Amino acid sequence: MFENLWVWLVLGVVPYRVRRVYRPGGLRQVAIRALFWTFTLEQRPGGRYGWALRVPLVEKLRRVVWAAVVPGSDEPREQESDLDKSA
């Protein structure tokens, strides 16, 4: 049983997609995806960087807990990046 767990754990951590996007105005984005996480790096004009690390399981658990605590209301949704919309 634990052999299968290790296989899924390894598969969830290993990146399976790297995507580079060049936007007008000098904005460059790199998105690295794995089964359990997504890392996005943005380089803005002037050499400034921004990054985001998303773990979908944690986000789903947060939504479930929020719905249980405050029934009938939706959690404010975060703005999706252009990379999430195109995939």
C-alpha atoms as a PDB file:
ATOM      1  CA  MET A   1       0.000   0.000   0.000  1.00  0.00           C
ATOM      2  CA  PHE A   2       2.757   2.475   0.851  1.00  0.00           C
ATOM      3  CA  GLU A   3       4.519   1.782  -2.448  1.00  0.00           C
ATOM      4  CA  ASN A   4       1.567   3.334  -4.308  1.00  0.00           C
ATOM      5  CA  LEU A   5       1.560   6.317  -1.962  1.00  0.00           C
ATOM      6  CA  TRP A   6       5.203   7.074  -2.739  1.00  0.00           C
ATOM      7  CA  VAL A   7       4.549   6.853  -6.479  1.00  0.00           C
ATOM      8  CA  TRP A   8       1.678   9.367  -6.260  1.00  0.00           C
ATOM      9  CA  LEU A   9       3.713  11.659  -4.030  1.00  0.00           C
ATOM     10  CA  VAL A  10       6.625  11.675  -6.473  1.00  0.00           C
ATOM     11  CA  LEU A  11       4.324  12.202  -9.464  1.00  0.00           C
ATOM     12  CA  GLY A  12       2.599  15.095  -7.689  1.00  0.00           C
ATOM     13  CA  VAL A  13       5.840  16.942  -7.015  1.00  0.00           C
ATOM     14  CA  VAL A  14       7.570  16.492 -10.392  1.00  0.00           C
ATOM     15  CA  PRO A  15       6.809  19.318 -12.862  1.00  0.00           C
ATOM     16  CA  TYR A  16       5.106  18.247 -16.065  1.00  0.00           C
ATOM     17  CA  ARG A  17       4.692  21.599 -17.836  1.00  0.00           C
ATOM     18  CA  VAL A  18       6.797  24.724 -18.228  1.00  0.00           C
ATOM     19  CA  ARG A  19       5.231  27.581 -20.138  1.00  0.00           C
ATOM     20  CA  ARG A  20       6.834  30.888 -21.099  1.00  0.00           C
ATOM     21  CA  VAL A  21       4.689  33.837 -22.153  1.00  0.00           C
ATOM     22  CA  TYR A  22       5.954  37.143 -23.496  1.00  0.00           C
ATOM     23  CA  ARG A  23       3.470  40.019 -23.236  1.00  0.00           C
ATOM     24  CA  PRO A  24       3.550  43.463 -24.841  1.00  0.00           C
ATOM     25  CA  GLY A  25       5.261  46.108 -22.758  1.00  0.00           C
ATOM     26  CA  GLY A  26       8.093  43.879 -21.621  1.00  0.00           C
ATOM     27  CA  LEU A  27       6.149  41.622 -19.238  1.00  0.00           C
ATOM     28  CA  ARG A  28       7.446  38.036 -19.192  1.00  0.00           C
ATOM     29  CA  GLN A  29       5.808  35.145 -17.361  1.00  0.00           C
ATOM     30  CA  VAL A  30       6.994  31.619 -16.640  1.00  0.00           C
ATOM     31  CA  ALA A  31       4.551  29.048 -15.227  1.00  0.00           C
ATOM     32  CA  ILE A  32       5.710  25.676 -13.909  1.00  0.00           C
ATOM     33  CA  ARG A  33       2.983  23.132 -13.204  1.00  0.00           C
ATOM     34  CA  ALA A  34       2.923  19.881 -11.297  1.00  0.00           C
ATOM     35  CA  LEU A  35       0.026  17.780 -10.086  1.00  0.00           C
ATOM     36  CA  PHE A  36       0.036  19.291  -6.570  1.00  0.00           C
ATOM     37  CA  TRP A  37       1.347  22.829  -7.208  1.00  0.00           C
ATOM     38  CA  THR A  38       1.818  25.682  -9.693  1.00  0.00           C
ATOM     39  CA  PHE A  39       4.613  28.263  -9.580  1.00  0.00           C
ATOM     40  CA  THR A  40       4.335  31.500 -11.602  1.00  0.00           C
ATOM     41  CA  LEU A  41       7.169  33.986 -12.023  1.00  0.00           C
ATOM     42  CA  GLU A  42       6.643  37.413 -13.642  1.00  0.00           C
ATOM     43  CA  GLN A  43       9.349  39.791 -14.749  1.00  0.00           C
ATOM     44  CA  ARG A  44       8.101  43.340 -15.143  1.00  0.00           C
ATOM     45  CA  PRO A  45       9.793  46.205 -16.943  1.00  0.00           C
ATOM     46  CA  GLY A  46      12.563  47.736 -14.889  1.00  0.00           C
ATOM     47  CA  GLY A  47      13.778  44.397 -13.554  1.00  0.00           C
ATOM     48  CA  ARG A  48      11.083  43.903 -10.901  1.00  0.00           C
ATOM     49  CA  TYR A  49       9.911  40.347 -10.225  1.00  0.00           C
ATOM     50  CA  GLY A  50       6.728  38.907  -8.819  1.00  0.00           C
ATOM     51  CA  TRP A  51       5.925  35.298  -8.025  1.00  0.00           C
ATOM     52  CA  ALA A  52       3.051  33.116  -6.847  1.00  0.00           C
ATOM     53  CA  LEU A  53       2.941  29.571  -5.538  1.00  0.00           C
ATOM     54  CA  ARG A  54      -0.463  27.879  -5.671  1.00  0.00           C
ATOM     55  CA  VAL A  55      -1.404  24.596  -4.017  1.00  0.00           C
ATOM     56  CA  PRO A  56      -4.885  23.651  -5.341  1.00  0.00           C
ATOM     57  CA  LEU A  57      -5.619  21.155  -2.538  1.00  0.00           C
ATOM     58  CA  VAL A  58      -5.118  23.861   0.100  1.00  0.00           C
ATOM     59  CA  GLU A  59      -7.293  26.307  -1.869  1.00  0.00           C
ATOM     60  CA  LYS A  60     -10.118  23.757  -2.169  1.00  0.00           C
ATOM     61  CA  LEU A  61      -9.953  22.947   1.546  1.00  0.00           C
ATOM     62  CA  ARG A  62     -10.080  26.671   2.340  1.00  0.00           C
ATOM     63  CA  ARG A  63     -13.239  27.071   0.223  1.00  0.00           C
ATOM     64  CA  VAL A  64     -14.905  24.081   1.898  1.00  0.00           C
ATOM     65  CA  VAL A  65     -14.128  25.391   5.378  1.00  0.00           C
ATOM     66  CA  TRP A  66     -15.317  28.885   4.416  1.00  0.00           C
ATOM     67  CA  ALA A  67     -18.602  27.474   3.066  1.00  0.00           C
ATOM     68  CA  ALA A  68     -19.110  25.501   6.287  1.00  0.00           C
ATOM     69  CA  VAL A  69     -18.428  28.502   8.522  1.00  0.00           C
ATOM     70  CA  VAL A  70     -20.535  31.015   6.595  1.00  0.00           C
ATOM     71  CA  PRO A  71     -23.364  29.143   4.853  1.00  0.00           C
ATOM     72  CA  GLY A  72     -25.036  30.872   1.927  1.00  0.00           C
ATOM     73  CA  SER A  73     -22.173  33.190   1.067  1.00  0.00           C
ATOM     74  CA  ASP A  74     -19.351  32.724  -1.390  1.00  0.00           C
ATOM     75  CA  GLU A  75     -15.754  33.458  -0.622  1.00  0.00           C
ATOM     76  CA  PRO A  76     -14.424  36.407  -2.622  1.00  0.00           C
ATOM     77  CA  ARG A  77     -12.592  34.934  -5.560  1.00  0.00           C
ATOM     78  CA  GLU A  78      -9.035  35.909  -6.331  1.00  0.00           C
ATOM     79  CA  GLN A  79      -8.267  37.270  -9.768  1.00  0.00           C
ATOM     80  CA  GLU A  80      -6.912  34.604 -12.118  1.00  0.00           C
ATOM     81  CA  SER A  81      -3.806  35.262 -14.133  1.00  0.00           C
ATOM     82  CA  ASP A  82      -3.740  35.082 -17.931  1.00  0.00           C
ATOM     83  CA  LEU A  83      -1.890  31.763 -17.718  1.00  0.00           C
ATOM     84  CA  ASP A  84      -4.738  30.132 -15.781  1.00  0.00           C
ATOM     85  CA  LYS A  85      -7.370  31.320 -18.276  1.00  0.00           C
ATOM     86  CA  SER A  86      -5.571  29.974 -21.343  1.00  0.00           C
ATOM     87  CA  ALA A  87      -4.835  26.503 -19.933  1.00  0.00           C
END
